Protein backbone atom coordinates (compact mmCIF):
# COMPACT_ATOMS: atom_id res chain seq x y z
CA UNK A 1 0.00 0.00 0.00
CA UNK A 2 1.01 3.60 -0.38
CA UNK A 3 0.70 6.35 2.23
CA UNK A 4 0.78 9.83 0.68
CA UNK A 5 1.09 13.26 2.23
CA UNK A 6 1.86 16.76 1.07
CA UNK A 7 4.40 18.99 2.78
CA UNK A 8 4.31 22.79 2.48
CA UNK A 9 7.56 24.49 3.44
CA UNK A 10 7.02 27.69 5.42
CA UNK A 11 8.78 30.94 4.42
CA UNK A 12 12.36 31.17 5.65
CA UNK A 13 12.89 27.41 5.54
CA UNK A 14 14.25 25.31 2.69
CA UNK A 15 12.97 22.10 1.16
CA UNK A 16 16.54 20.79 1.34
CA UNK A 17 16.47 21.18 5.12
CA UNK A 18 13.24 19.21 5.32
CA UNK A 19 14.70 16.58 2.99
CA UNK A 20 17.62 16.15 5.38
CA UNK A 21 15.19 15.50 8.24
CA UNK A 22 13.19 13.18 5.97
CA UNK A 23 16.27 11.06 5.33
CA UNK A 24 17.16 10.93 9.03
CA UNK A 25 13.63 9.81 9.98
CA UNK A 26 13.40 7.37 7.07
CA UNK A 27 16.50 5.52 8.28
CA UNK A 28 14.55 4.53 11.39
CA UNK A 29 11.14 4.08 9.76
CA UNK A 30 12.51 1.72 7.14
CA UNK A 31 13.61 -0.69 9.88
CA UNK A 32 9.95 -1.38 10.68
CA UNK A 33 8.46 -4.65 9.52
CA UNK A 34 6.63 -4.12 6.24
CA UNK A 35 8.40 -0.89 5.23
CA UNK A 36 9.20 -0.90 1.51
CA UNK A 37 10.74 2.50 0.89
CA UNK A 38 9.97 6.18 0.65
CA UNK A 39 10.08 8.86 -2.02
CA UNK A 40 9.97 12.64 -1.72
CA UNK A 41 8.97 14.65 -4.79
CA UNK A 42 9.15 18.40 -5.38
CA UNK A 43 6.16 20.00 -7.09
CA UNK A 44 6.85 21.39 -10.55
CA UNK A 45 6.51 25.17 -10.42
CA UNK A 46 6.47 25.35 -6.62
CA UNK A 47 9.66 24.12 -4.96
CA UNK A 48 8.15 24.64 -1.51
CA UNK A 49 5.54 21.92 -1.96
CA UNK A 50 6.63 18.31 -1.60
CA UNK A 51 4.81 15.04 -2.13
CA UNK A 52 5.81 12.19 0.17
CA UNK A 53 5.11 8.58 -0.77
CA UNK A 54 5.74 5.77 1.68
CA UNK A 55 5.35 2.16 0.55
CA UNK A 56 4.31 -0.62 2.91
CA UNK A 57 3.46 -4.29 2.51
CA UNK A 58 0.03 -3.61 4.05
CA UNK A 59 -2.06 -1.07 5.93
CA UNK A 60 -1.73 -3.25 9.03
CA UNK A 61 2.08 -3.05 8.82
CA UNK A 62 1.98 0.73 8.52
CA UNK A 63 -0.52 1.06 11.35
CA UNK A 64 1.67 -1.12 13.59
CA UNK A 65 4.75 0.96 12.76
CA UNK A 66 2.82 4.15 13.49
CA UNK A 67 1.68 2.83 16.88
CA UNK A 68 5.23 1.76 17.77
CA UNK A 69 7.02 4.79 16.31
CA UNK A 70 10.64 5.15 17.34
CA UNK A 71 11.15 8.07 19.73
CA UNK A 72 13.91 9.38 17.44
CA UNK A 73 11.35 9.65 14.63
CA UNK A 74 8.94 11.46 16.94
CA UNK A 75 11.73 13.92 17.82
CA UNK A 76 12.55 14.59 14.17
CA UNK A 77 8.89 15.18 13.34
CA UNK A 78 8.55 17.52 16.31
CA UNK A 79 11.63 19.53 15.32
CA UNK A 80 10.19 20.03 11.82
CA UNK A 81 6.67 20.99 12.93
CA UNK A 82 7.35 24.72 13.13
CA UNK A 83 8.84 24.80 9.62
CA UNK A 84 6.29 22.81 7.62
CA UNK A 85 2.59 22.09 7.26
CA UNK A 86 1.74 18.47 6.53
CA UNK A 87 -1.53 17.34 4.97
CA UNK A 88 -2.32 13.65 4.67
CA UNK A 89 -3.62 12.81 1.22
CA UNK A 90 -4.51 9.24 2.07
CA UNK A 91 -3.78 5.55 2.01
CA UNK A 92 -3.97 3.69 -1.29
CA UNK A 93 -3.96 0.02 -2.15
CA UNK A 94 -1.31 -1.22 -4.53
CA UNK A 95 -2.82 -1.49 -8.00
CA UNK A 96 -4.47 -4.74 -9.01
CA UNK A 97 -2.73 -4.36 -12.34
CA UNK A 98 -0.07 -2.12 -13.82
CA UNK A 99 -0.02 -0.95 -17.40
CA UNK A 100 3.53 -0.61 -18.71
CA UNK A 101 4.30 0.13 -22.34
CA UNK A 102 6.16 -2.60 -24.15
CA UNK A 103 9.29 -2.12 -26.21
PDB file of N, CA and C in Angstrom:
ATOM      1  N   UNK A   1       0.843  -1.176   0.000  1.00  0.00           N
ATOM      2  CA  UNK A   1       0.000   0.000   0.000  1.00  0.00           C
ATOM      3  C   UNK A   1       0.883   1.233   0.000  1.00  0.00           C
ATOM      4  N   UNK A   2       0.284   2.325  -0.360  1.00  0.00           N
ATOM      5  CA  UNK A   2       1.006   3.604  -0.384  1.00  0.00           C
ATOM      6  C   UNK A   2       0.333   4.568   0.599  1.00  0.00           C
ATOM      7  N   UNK A   3       1.163   5.293   1.334  1.00  0.00           N
ATOM      8  CA  UNK A   3       0.703   6.350   2.234  1.00  0.00           C
ATOM      9  C   UNK A   3       1.251   7.647   1.668  1.00  0.00           C
ATOM     10  N   UNK A   4       0.364   8.585   1.310  1.00  0.00           N
ATOM     11  CA  UNK A   4       0.777   9.834   0.676  1.00  0.00           C
ATOM     12  C   UNK A   4       0.443  11.028   1.545  1.00  0.00           C
ATOM     13  N   UNK A   5       1.376  11.985   1.585  1.00  0.00           N
ATOM     14  CA  UNK A   5       1.085  13.256   2.231  1.00  0.00           C
ATOM     15  C   UNK A   5       1.841  14.372   1.544  1.00  0.00           C
ATOM     16  N   UNK A   6       1.297  15.576   1.692  1.00  0.00           N
ATOM     17  CA  UNK A   6       1.864  16.760   1.066  1.00  0.00           C
ATOM     18  C   UNK A   6       2.502  17.609   2.152  1.00  0.00           C
ATOM     19  N   UNK A   7       3.662  18.160   1.837  1.00  0.00           N
ATOM     20  CA  UNK A   7       4.401  18.994   2.783  1.00  0.00           C
ATOM     21  C   UNK A   7       4.556  20.379   2.173  1.00  0.00           C
ATOM     22  N   UNK A   8       4.123  21.400   2.911  1.00  0.00           N
ATOM     23  CA  UNK A   8       4.305  22.790   2.483  1.00  0.00           C
ATOM     24  C   UNK A   8       5.388  23.404   3.369  1.00  0.00           C
ATOM     25  N   UNK A   9       6.437  23.869   2.734  1.00  0.00           N
ATOM     26  CA  UNK A   9       7.561  24.486   3.439  1.00  0.00           C
ATOM     27  C   UNK A   9       7.187  25.933   3.762  1.00  0.00           C
ATOM     28  N   UNK A  10       7.349  26.324   5.005  1.00  0.00           N
ATOM     29  CA  UNK A  10       7.020  27.689   5.419  1.00  0.00           C
ATOM     30  C   UNK A  10       8.134  28.661   4.999  1.00  0.00           C
ATOM     31  N   UNK A  11       7.785  29.935   4.809  1.00  0.00           N
ATOM     32  CA  UNK A  11       8.782  30.939   4.419  1.00  0.00           C
ATOM     33  C   UNK A  11       9.962  30.958   5.401  1.00  0.00           C
ATOM     34  N   UNK A  12      11.155  31.114   4.840  1.00  0.00           N
ATOM     35  CA  UNK A  12      12.357  31.169   5.653  1.00  0.00           C
ATOM     36  C   UNK A  12      12.995  29.808   5.882  1.00  0.00           C
ATOM     37  N   UNK A  13      12.350  28.757   5.406  1.00  0.00           N
ATOM     38  CA  UNK A  13      12.888  27.405   5.543  1.00  0.00           C
ATOM     39  C   UNK A  13      13.119  26.860   4.141  1.00  0.00           C
ATOM     40  N   UNK A  14      13.940  25.855   4.014  1.00  0.00           N
ATOM     41  CA  UNK A  14      14.253  25.315   2.688  1.00  0.00           C
ATOM     42  C   UNK A  14      13.809  23.857   2.584  1.00  0.00           C
ATOM     43  N   UNK A  15      13.358  23.492   1.412  1.00  0.00           N
ATOM     44  CA  UNK A  15      12.970  22.104   1.159  1.00  0.00           C
ATOM     45  C   UNK A  15      14.145  21.164   1.409  1.00  0.00           C
ATOM     46  N   UNK A  16      15.344  21.619   1.121  1.00  0.00           N
ATOM     47  CA  UNK A  16      16.539  20.793   1.336  1.00  0.00           C
ATOM     48  C   UNK A  16      16.733  20.475   2.816  1.00  0.00           C
ATOM     49  N   UNK A  17      16.372  21.435   3.684  1.00  0.00           N
ATOM     50  CA  UNK A  17      16.475  21.184   5.123  1.00  0.00           C
ATOM     51  C   UNK A  17      15.459  20.127   5.553  1.00  0.00           C
ATOM     52  N   UNK A  18      14.242  20.221   5.013  1.00  0.00           N
ATOM     53  CA  UNK A  18      13.241  19.213   5.324  1.00  0.00           C
ATOM     54  C   UNK A  18      13.689  17.854   4.784  1.00  0.00           C
ATOM     55  N   UNK A  19      14.241  17.843   3.583  1.00  0.00           N
ATOM     56  CA  UNK A  19      14.696  16.584   2.985  1.00  0.00           C
ATOM     57  C   UNK A  19      15.752  15.918   3.862  1.00  0.00           C
ATOM     58  N   UNK A  20      16.616  16.700   4.474  1.00  0.00           N
ATOM     59  CA  UNK A  20      17.619  16.150   5.378  1.00  0.00           C
ATOM     60  C   UNK A  20      16.930  15.454   6.557  1.00  0.00           C
ATOM     61  N   UNK A  21      15.934  16.094   7.130  1.00  0.00           N
ATOM     62  CA  UNK A  21      15.187  15.499   8.240  1.00  0.00           C
ATOM     63  C   UNK A  21      14.438  14.254   7.769  1.00  0.00           C
ATOM     64  N   UNK A  22      13.900  14.313   6.556  1.00  0.00           N
ATOM     65  CA  UNK A  22      13.190  13.181   5.965  1.00  0.00           C
ATOM     66  C   UNK A  22      14.097  11.954   5.895  1.00  0.00           C
ATOM     67  N   UNK A  23      15.319  12.165   5.436  1.00  0.00           N
ATOM     68  CA  UNK A  23      16.275  11.057   5.325  1.00  0.00           C
ATOM     69  C   UNK A  23      16.609  10.504   6.710  1.00  0.00           C
ATOM     70  N   UNK A  24      16.835  11.392   7.668  1.00  0.00           N
ATOM     71  CA  UNK A  24      17.157  10.934   9.030  1.00  0.00           C
ATOM     72  C   UNK A  24      16.023  10.092   9.609  1.00  0.00           C
ATOM     73  N   UNK A  25      14.784  10.553   9.461  1.00  0.00           N
ATOM     74  CA  UNK A  25      13.634   9.807   9.983  1.00  0.00           C
ATOM     75  C   UNK A  25      13.436   8.501   9.214  1.00  0.00           C
ATOM     76  N   UNK A  26      13.609   8.556   7.906  1.00  0.00           N
ATOM     77  CA  UNK A  26      13.401   7.367   7.075  1.00  0.00           C
ATOM     78  C   UNK A  26      14.353   6.237   7.444  1.00  0.00           C
ATOM     79  N   UNK A  27      15.550   6.571   7.876  1.00  0.00           N
ATOM     80  CA  UNK A  27      16.502   5.524   8.278  1.00  0.00           C
ATOM     81  C   UNK A  27      15.937   4.672   9.406  1.00  0.00           C
ATOM     82  N   UNK A  28      15.178   5.271  10.299  1.00  0.00           N
ATOM     83  CA  UNK A  28      14.554   4.525  11.392  1.00  0.00           C
ATOM     84  C   UNK A  28      13.256   3.860  10.940  1.00  0.00           C
ATOM     85  N   UNK A  29      12.436   4.595  10.201  1.00  0.00           N
ATOM     86  CA  UNK A  29      11.143   4.077   9.763  1.00  0.00           C
ATOM     87  C   UNK A  29      11.322   2.827   8.902  1.00  0.00           C
ATOM     88  N   UNK A  30      12.324   2.838   8.054  1.00  0.00           N
ATOM     89  CA  UNK A  30      12.515   1.716   7.136  1.00  0.00           C
ATOM     90  C   UNK A  30      12.983   0.435   7.827  1.00  0.00           C
ATOM     91  N   UNK A  31      13.271   0.509   9.105  1.00  0.00           N
ATOM     92  CA  UNK A  31      13.607  -0.695   9.879  1.00  0.00           C
ATOM     93  C   UNK A  31      12.356  -1.440  10.338  1.00  0.00           C
ATOM     94  N   UNK A  32      11.206  -0.776  10.235  1.00  0.00           N
ATOM     95  CA  UNK A  32       9.949  -1.384  10.681  1.00  0.00           C
ATOM     96  C   UNK A  32       9.545  -2.515   9.748  1.00  0.00           C
ATOM     97  N   UNK A  33       8.938  -3.542  10.319  1.00  0.00           N
ATOM     98  CA  UNK A  33       8.462  -4.653   9.521  1.00  0.00           C
ATOM     99  C   UNK A  33       7.420  -4.153   8.527  1.00  0.00           C
ATOM    100  N   UNK A  34       7.582  -4.509   7.271  1.00  0.00           N
ATOM    101  CA  UNK A  34       6.631  -4.125   6.238  1.00  0.00           C
ATOM    102  C   UNK A  34       6.977  -2.855   5.483  1.00  0.00           C
ATOM    103  N   UNK A  35       7.991  -2.106   5.941  1.00  0.00           N
ATOM    104  CA  UNK A  35       8.397  -0.885   5.226  1.00  0.00           C
ATOM    105  C   UNK A  35       9.062  -1.270   3.911  1.00  0.00           C
ATOM    106  N   UNK A  36       8.665  -0.576   2.834  1.00  0.00           N
ATOM    107  CA  UNK A  36       9.202  -0.898   1.505  1.00  0.00           C
ATOM    108  C   UNK A  36       9.804   0.303   0.794  1.00  0.00           C
ATOM    109  N   UNK A  37      10.078   1.370   1.523  1.00  0.00           N
ATOM    110  CA  UNK A  37      10.741   2.505   0.891  1.00  0.00           C
ATOM    111  C   UNK A  37       9.917   3.772   0.908  1.00  0.00           C
ATOM    112  N   UNK A  38      10.603   4.875   0.671  1.00  0.00           N
ATOM    113  CA  UNK A  38       9.973   6.185   0.648  1.00  0.00           C
ATOM    114  C   UNK A  38      10.509   7.002  -0.514  1.00  0.00           C
ATOM    115  N   UNK A  39       9.695   7.925  -0.973  1.00  0.00           N
ATOM    116  CA  UNK A  39      10.082   8.865  -2.018  1.00  0.00           C
ATOM    117  C   UNK A  39       9.593  10.253  -1.619  1.00  0.00           C
ATOM    118  N   UNK A  40      10.357  11.251  -1.961  1.00  0.00           N
ATOM    119  CA  UNK A  40       9.972  12.638  -1.716  1.00  0.00           C
ATOM    120  C   UNK A  40      10.107  13.385  -3.031  1.00  0.00           C
ATOM    121  N   UNK A  41       9.004  13.964  -3.501  1.00  0.00           N
ATOM    122  CA  UNK A  41       8.967  14.653  -4.792  1.00  0.00           C
ATOM    123  C   UNK A  41       8.741  16.146  -4.574  1.00  0.00           C
ATOM    124  N   UNK A  42       9.374  16.954  -5.412  1.00  0.00           N
ATOM    125  CA  UNK A  42       9.153  18.399  -5.377  1.00  0.00           C
ATOM    126  C   UNK A  42       8.147  18.751  -6.470  1.00  0.00           C
ATOM    127  N   UNK A  43       7.193  19.606  -6.134  1.00  0.00           N
ATOM    128  CA  UNK A  43       6.162  19.997  -7.092  1.00  0.00           C
ATOM    129  C   UNK A  43       6.765  20.875  -8.189  1.00  0.00           C
ATOM    130  N   UNK A  44       6.409  20.580  -9.420  1.00  0.00           N
ATOM    131  CA  UNK A  44       6.854  21.393 -10.548  1.00  0.00           C
ATOM    132  C   UNK A  44       6.209  22.766 -10.426  1.00  0.00           C
ATOM    133  N   UNK A  45       7.016  23.802 -10.487  1.00  0.00           N
ATOM    134  CA  UNK A  45       6.510  25.166 -10.421  1.00  0.00           C
ATOM    135  C   UNK A  45       6.378  25.720  -9.015  1.00  0.00           C
ATOM    136  N   UNK A  46       6.527  24.874  -7.996  1.00  0.00           N
ATOM    137  CA  UNK A  46       6.469  25.348  -6.616  1.00  0.00           C
ATOM    138  C   UNK A  46       7.412  24.499  -5.760  1.00  0.00           C
ATOM    139  N   UNK A  47       8.669  24.920  -5.669  1.00  0.00           N
ATOM    140  CA  UNK A  47       9.661  24.116  -4.958  1.00  0.00           C
ATOM    141  C   UNK A  47       9.440  23.999  -3.453  1.00  0.00           C
ATOM    142  N   UNK A  48       8.444  24.721  -2.937  1.00  0.00           N
ATOM    143  CA  UNK A  48       8.150  24.638  -1.507  1.00  0.00           C
ATOM    144  C   UNK A  48       6.981  23.714  -1.184  1.00  0.00           C
ATOM    145  N   UNK A  49       6.573  22.933  -2.174  1.00  0.00           N
ATOM    146  CA  UNK A  49       5.539  21.916  -1.961  1.00  0.00           C
ATOM    147  C   UNK A  49       6.144  20.570  -2.339  1.00  0.00           C
ATOM    148  N   UNK A  50       6.054  19.638  -1.401  1.00  0.00           N
ATOM    149  CA  UNK A  50       6.628  18.314  -1.603  1.00  0.00           C
ATOM    150  C   UNK A  50       5.538  17.259  -1.478  1.00  0.00           C
ATOM    151  N   UNK A  51       5.688  16.183  -2.227  1.00  0.00           N
ATOM    152  CA  UNK A  51       4.807  15.036  -2.127  1.00  0.00           C
ATOM    153  C   UNK A  51       5.622  13.885  -1.555  1.00  0.00           C
ATOM    154  N   UNK A  52       5.139  13.322  -0.460  1.00  0.00           N
ATOM    155  CA  UNK A  52       5.812  12.192   0.174  1.00  0.00           C
ATOM    156  C   UNK A  52       5.019  10.925  -0.097  1.00  0.00           C
ATOM    157  N   UNK A  53       5.731   9.877  -0.489  1.00  0.00           N
ATOM    158  CA  UNK A  53       5.113   8.584  -0.774  1.00  0.00           C
ATOM    159  C   UNK A  53       5.868   7.525   0.021  1.00  0.00           C
ATOM    160  N   UNK A  54       5.157   6.860   0.910  1.00  0.00           N
ATOM    161  CA  UNK A  54       5.744   5.769   1.683  1.00  0.00           C
ATOM    162  C   UNK A  54       5.077   4.468   1.258  1.00  0.00           C
ATOM    163  N   UNK A  55       5.872   3.459   0.979  1.00  0.00           N
ATOM    164  CA  UNK A  55       5.353   2.161   0.547  1.00  0.00           C
ATOM    165  C   UNK A  55       5.459   1.155   1.692  1.00  0.00           C
ATOM    166  N   UNK A  56       4.392   0.385   1.857  1.00  0.00           N
ATOM    167  CA  UNK A  56       4.312  -0.624   2.910  1.00  0.00           C
ATOM    168  C   UNK A  56       3.727  -1.908   2.332  1.00  0.00           C
ATOM    169  N   UNK A  57       4.017  -3.027   2.966  1.00  0.00           N
ATOM    170  CA  UNK A  57       3.455  -4.295   2.508  1.00  0.00           C
ATOM    171  C   UNK A  57       1.954  -4.344   2.733  1.00  0.00           C
ATOM    172  N   UNK A  58       1.462  -3.612   3.760  1.00  0.00           N
ATOM    173  CA  UNK A  58       0.029  -3.609   4.052  1.00  0.00           C
ATOM    174  C   UNK A  58      -0.314  -2.429   4.953  1.00  0.00           C
ATOM    175  N   UNK A  59      -1.592  -2.112   5.024  1.00  0.00           N
ATOM    176  CA  UNK A  59      -2.056  -1.065   5.934  1.00  0.00           C
ATOM    177  C   UNK A  59      -1.784  -1.482   7.376  1.00  0.00           C
ATOM    178  N   UNK A  60      -1.973  -2.752   7.677  1.00  0.00           N
ATOM    179  CA  UNK A  60      -1.728  -3.247   9.034  1.00  0.00           C
ATOM    180  C   UNK A  60      -0.271  -3.035   9.439  1.00  0.00           C
ATOM    181  N   UNK A  61       0.653  -3.262   8.512  1.00  0.00           N
ATOM    182  CA  UNK A  61       2.076  -3.054   8.815  1.00  0.00           C
ATOM    183  C   UNK A  61       2.355  -1.583   9.094  1.00  0.00           C
ATOM    184  N   UNK A  62       1.772  -0.698   8.287  1.00  0.00           N
ATOM    185  CA  UNK A  62       1.980   0.732   8.516  1.00  0.00           C
ATOM    186  C   UNK A  62       1.348   1.177   9.833  1.00  0.00           C
ATOM    187  N   UNK A  63       0.146   0.708  10.099  1.00  0.00           N
ATOM    188  CA  UNK A  63      -0.522   1.060  11.352  1.00  0.00           C
ATOM    189  C   UNK A  63       0.296   0.602  12.558  1.00  0.00           C
ATOM    190  N   UNK A  64       0.854  -0.614  12.485  1.00  0.00           N
ATOM    191  CA  UNK A  64       1.672  -1.123  13.585  1.00  0.00           C
ATOM    192  C   UNK A  64       2.918  -0.275  13.772  1.00  0.00           C
ATOM    193  N   UNK A  65       3.559   0.119  12.675  1.00  0.00           N
ATOM    194  CA  UNK A  65       4.752   0.960  12.760  1.00  0.00           C
ATOM    195  C   UNK A  65       4.407   2.328  13.345  1.00  0.00           C
ATOM    196  N   UNK A  66       3.254   2.851  12.977  1.00  0.00           N
ATOM    197  CA  UNK A  66       2.819   4.154  13.493  1.00  0.00           C
ATOM    198  C   UNK A  66       2.569   4.081  14.999  1.00  0.00           C
ATOM    199  N   UNK A  67       1.967   3.004  15.456  1.00  0.00           N
ATOM    200  CA  UNK A  67       1.684   2.835  16.883  1.00  0.00           C
ATOM    201  C   UNK A  67       2.952   2.615  17.704  1.00  0.00           C
ATOM    202  N   UNK A  68       3.978   2.062  17.077  1.00  0.00           N
ATOM    203  CA  UNK A  68       5.232   1.763  17.773  1.00  0.00           C
ATOM    204  C   UNK A  68       6.370   2.636  17.263  1.00  0.00           C
ATOM    205  N   UNK A  69       6.051   3.876  16.925  1.00  0.00           N
ATOM    206  CA  UNK A  69       7.021   4.788  16.308  1.00  0.00           C
ATOM    207  C   UNK A  69       8.215   5.014  17.227  1.00  0.00           C
ATOM    208  N   UNK A  70       9.380   4.913  16.644  1.00  0.00           N
ATOM    209  CA  UNK A  70      10.642   5.154  17.338  1.00  0.00           C
ATOM    210  C   UNK A  70      10.653   6.583  17.894  1.00  0.00           C
ATOM    211  N   UNK A  71      11.105   6.742  19.112  1.00  0.00           N
ATOM    212  CA  UNK A  71      11.155   8.073  19.731  1.00  0.00           C
ATOM    213  C   UNK A  71      12.039   9.035  18.938  1.00  0.00           C
ATOM    214  N   UNK A  72      13.046   8.514  18.259  1.00  0.00           N
ATOM    215  CA  UNK A  72      13.910   9.382  17.439  1.00  0.00           C
ATOM    216  C   UNK A  72      13.121   9.948  16.267  1.00  0.00           C
ATOM    217  N   UNK A  73      12.211   9.161  15.721  1.00  0.00           N
ATOM    218  CA  UNK A  73      11.350   9.645  14.630  1.00  0.00           C
ATOM    219  C   UNK A  73      10.405  10.717  15.164  1.00  0.00           C
ATOM    220  N   UNK A  74       9.825  10.466  16.318  1.00  0.00           N
ATOM    221  CA  UNK A  74       8.941  11.464  16.943  1.00  0.00           C
ATOM    222  C   UNK A  74       9.682  12.789  17.150  1.00  0.00           C
ATOM    223  N   UNK A  75      10.926  12.708  17.582  1.00  0.00           N
ATOM    224  CA  UNK A  75      11.726  13.919  17.818  1.00  0.00           C
ATOM    225  C   UNK A  75      11.998  14.666  16.520  1.00  0.00           C
ATOM    226  N   UNK A  76      12.296  13.946  15.462  1.00  0.00           N
ATOM    227  CA  UNK A  76      12.552  14.586  14.168  1.00  0.00           C
ATOM    228  C   UNK A  76      11.286  15.264  13.654  1.00  0.00           C
ATOM    229  N   UNK A  77      10.155  14.595  13.773  1.00  0.00           N
ATOM    230  CA  UNK A  77       8.887  15.184  13.342  1.00  0.00           C
ATOM    231  C   UNK A  77       8.586  16.435  14.155  1.00  0.00           C
ATOM    232  N   UNK A  78       8.803  16.369  15.445  1.00  0.00           N
ATOM    233  CA  UNK A  78       8.547  17.521  16.315  1.00  0.00           C
ATOM    234  C   UNK A  78       9.446  18.699  15.970  1.00  0.00           C
ATOM    235  N   UNK A  79      10.706  18.430  15.648  1.00  0.00           N
ATOM    236  CA  UNK A  79      11.628  19.529  15.320  1.00  0.00           C
ATOM    237  C   UNK A  79      11.257  20.202  14.005  1.00  0.00           C
ATOM    238  N   UNK A  80      10.589  19.485  13.123  1.00  0.00           N
ATOM    239  CA  UNK A  80      10.193  20.031  11.819  1.00  0.00           C
ATOM    240  C   UNK A  80       8.850  20.748  11.854  1.00  0.00           C
ATOM    241  N   UNK A  81       8.048  20.502  12.880  1.00  0.00           N
ATOM    242  CA  UNK A  81       6.667  20.990  12.927  1.00  0.00           C
ATOM    243  C   UNK A  81       6.540  22.494  12.748  1.00  0.00           C
ATOM    244  N   UNK A  82       7.476  23.266  13.255  1.00  0.00           N
ATOM    245  CA  UNK A  82       7.353  24.724  13.134  1.00  0.00           C
ATOM    246  C   UNK A  82       7.720  25.229  11.740  1.00  0.00           C
ATOM    247  N   UNK A  83       8.344  24.379  10.931  1.00  0.00           N
ATOM    248  CA  UNK A  83       8.839  24.804   9.622  1.00  0.00           C
ATOM    249  C   UNK A  83       7.991  24.335   8.449  1.00  0.00           C
ATOM    250  N   UNK A  84       7.077  23.385   8.704  1.00  0.00           N
ATOM    251  CA  UNK A  84       6.288  22.808   7.615  1.00  0.00           C
ATOM    252  C   UNK A  84       4.845  22.608   8.046  1.00  0.00           C
ATOM    253  N   UNK A  85       3.969  22.516   7.047  1.00  0.00           N
ATOM    254  CA  UNK A  85       2.592  22.090   7.265  1.00  0.00           C
ATOM    255  C   UNK A  85       2.410  20.800   6.481  1.00  0.00           C
ATOM    256  N   UNK A  86       1.905  19.784   7.148  1.00  0.00           N
ATOM    257  CA  UNK A  86       1.744  18.475   6.534  1.00  0.00           C
ATOM    258  C   UNK A  86       0.261  18.159   6.410  1.00  0.00           C
ATOM    259  N   UNK A  87      -0.145  17.747   5.223  1.00  0.00           N
ATOM    260  CA  UNK A  87      -1.525  17.340   4.967  1.00  0.00           C
ATOM    261  C   UNK A  87      -1.526  15.911   4.446  1.00  0.00           C
ATOM    262  N   UNK A  88      -2.218  15.033   5.138  1.00  0.00           N
ATOM    263  CA  UNK A  88      -2.322  13.654   4.672  1.00  0.00           C
ATOM    264  C   UNK A  88      -3.256  13.608   3.473  1.00  0.00           C
ATOM    265  N   UNK A  89      -2.795  12.997   2.411  1.00  0.00           N
ATOM    266  CA  UNK A  89      -3.617  12.807   1.217  1.00  0.00           C
ATOM    267  C   UNK A  89      -4.436  11.529   1.367  1.00  0.00           C
ATOM    268  N   UNK A  90      -3.776  10.471   1.824  1.00  0.00           N
ATOM    269  CA  UNK A  90      -4.515   9.244   2.065  1.00  0.00           C
ATOM    270  C   UNK A  90      -3.683   7.992   1.934  1.00  0.00           C
ATOM    271  N   UNK A  91      -4.375   6.878   2.126  1.00  0.00           N
ATOM    272  CA  UNK A  91      -3.779   5.554   2.010  1.00  0.00           C
ATOM    273  C   UNK A  91      -4.379   4.888   0.779  1.00  0.00           C
ATOM    274  N   UNK A  92      -3.529   4.260  -0.018  1.00  0.00           N
ATOM    275  CA  UNK A  92      -3.968   3.694  -1.285  1.00  0.00           C
ATOM    276  C   UNK A  92      -3.470   2.263  -1.417  1.00  0.00           C
ATOM    277  N   UNK A  93      -4.352   1.399  -1.883  1.00  0.00           N
ATOM    278  CA  UNK A  93      -3.965   0.017  -2.152  1.00  0.00           C
ATOM    279  C   UNK A  93      -3.004  -0.009  -3.335  1.00  0.00           C
ATOM    280  N   UNK A  94      -2.121  -1.002  -3.343  1.00  0.00           N
ATOM    281  CA  UNK A  94      -1.306  -1.216  -4.528  1.00  0.00           C
ATOM    282  C   UNK A  94      -2.256  -1.583  -5.667  1.00  0.00           C
ATOM    283  N   UNK A  95      -1.908  -1.219  -6.889  1.00  0.00           N
ATOM    284  CA  UNK A  95      -2.824  -1.486  -8.004  1.00  0.00           C
ATOM    285  C   UNK A  95      -2.997  -2.986  -8.237  1.00  0.00           C
ATOM    286  N   UNK A  96      -4.209  -3.340  -8.674  1.00  0.00           N
ATOM    287  CA  UNK A  96      -4.470  -4.737  -9.014  1.00  0.00           C
ATOM    288  C   UNK A  96      -3.735  -5.117 -10.288  1.00  0.00           C
ATOM    289  N   UNK A  97      -3.494  -4.128 -11.130  1.00  0.00           N
ATOM    290  CA  UNK A  97      -2.733  -4.360 -12.343  1.00  0.00           C
ATOM    291  C   UNK A  97      -1.987  -3.089 -12.702  1.00  0.00           C
ATOM    292  N   UNK A  98      -0.916  -3.251 -13.414  1.00  0.00           N
ATOM    293  CA  UNK A  98      -0.074  -2.124 -13.817  1.00  0.00           C
ATOM    294  C   UNK A  98       0.058  -2.161 -15.327  1.00  0.00           C
ATOM    295  N   UNK A  99      -0.180  -1.049 -15.961  1.00  0.00           N
ATOM    296  CA  UNK A  99      -0.016  -0.951 -17.404  1.00  0.00           C
ATOM    297  C   UNK A  99       1.355  -0.334 -17.669  1.00  0.00           C
ATOM    298  N   UNK A 100       2.199  -1.099 -18.338  1.00  0.00           N
ATOM    299  CA  UNK A 100       3.530  -0.612 -18.713  1.00  0.00           C
ATOM    300  C   UNK A 100       3.690  -0.798 -20.204  1.00  0.00           C
ATOM    301  N   UNK A 101       4.121   0.259 -20.889  1.00  0.00           N
ATOM    302  CA  UNK A 101       4.303   0.129 -22.336  1.00  0.00           C
ATOM    303  C   UNK A 101       5.393  -0.872 -22.650  1.00  0.00           C
ATOM    304  N   UNK A 102       5.154  -1.634 -23.705  1.00  0.00           N
ATOM    305  CA  UNK A 102       6.164  -2.604 -24.153  1.00  0.00           C
ATOM    306  C   UNK A 102       7.217  -1.927 -25.007  1.00  0.00           C
ATOM    307  N   UNK A 103       8.219  -2.662 -25.343  1.00  0.00           N
ATOM    308  CA  UNK A 103       9.289  -2.122 -26.215  1.00  0.00           C
ATOM    309  C   UNK A 103       8.840  -1.998 -27.641  1.00  0.00           C
TER     310      UNK A 103
END
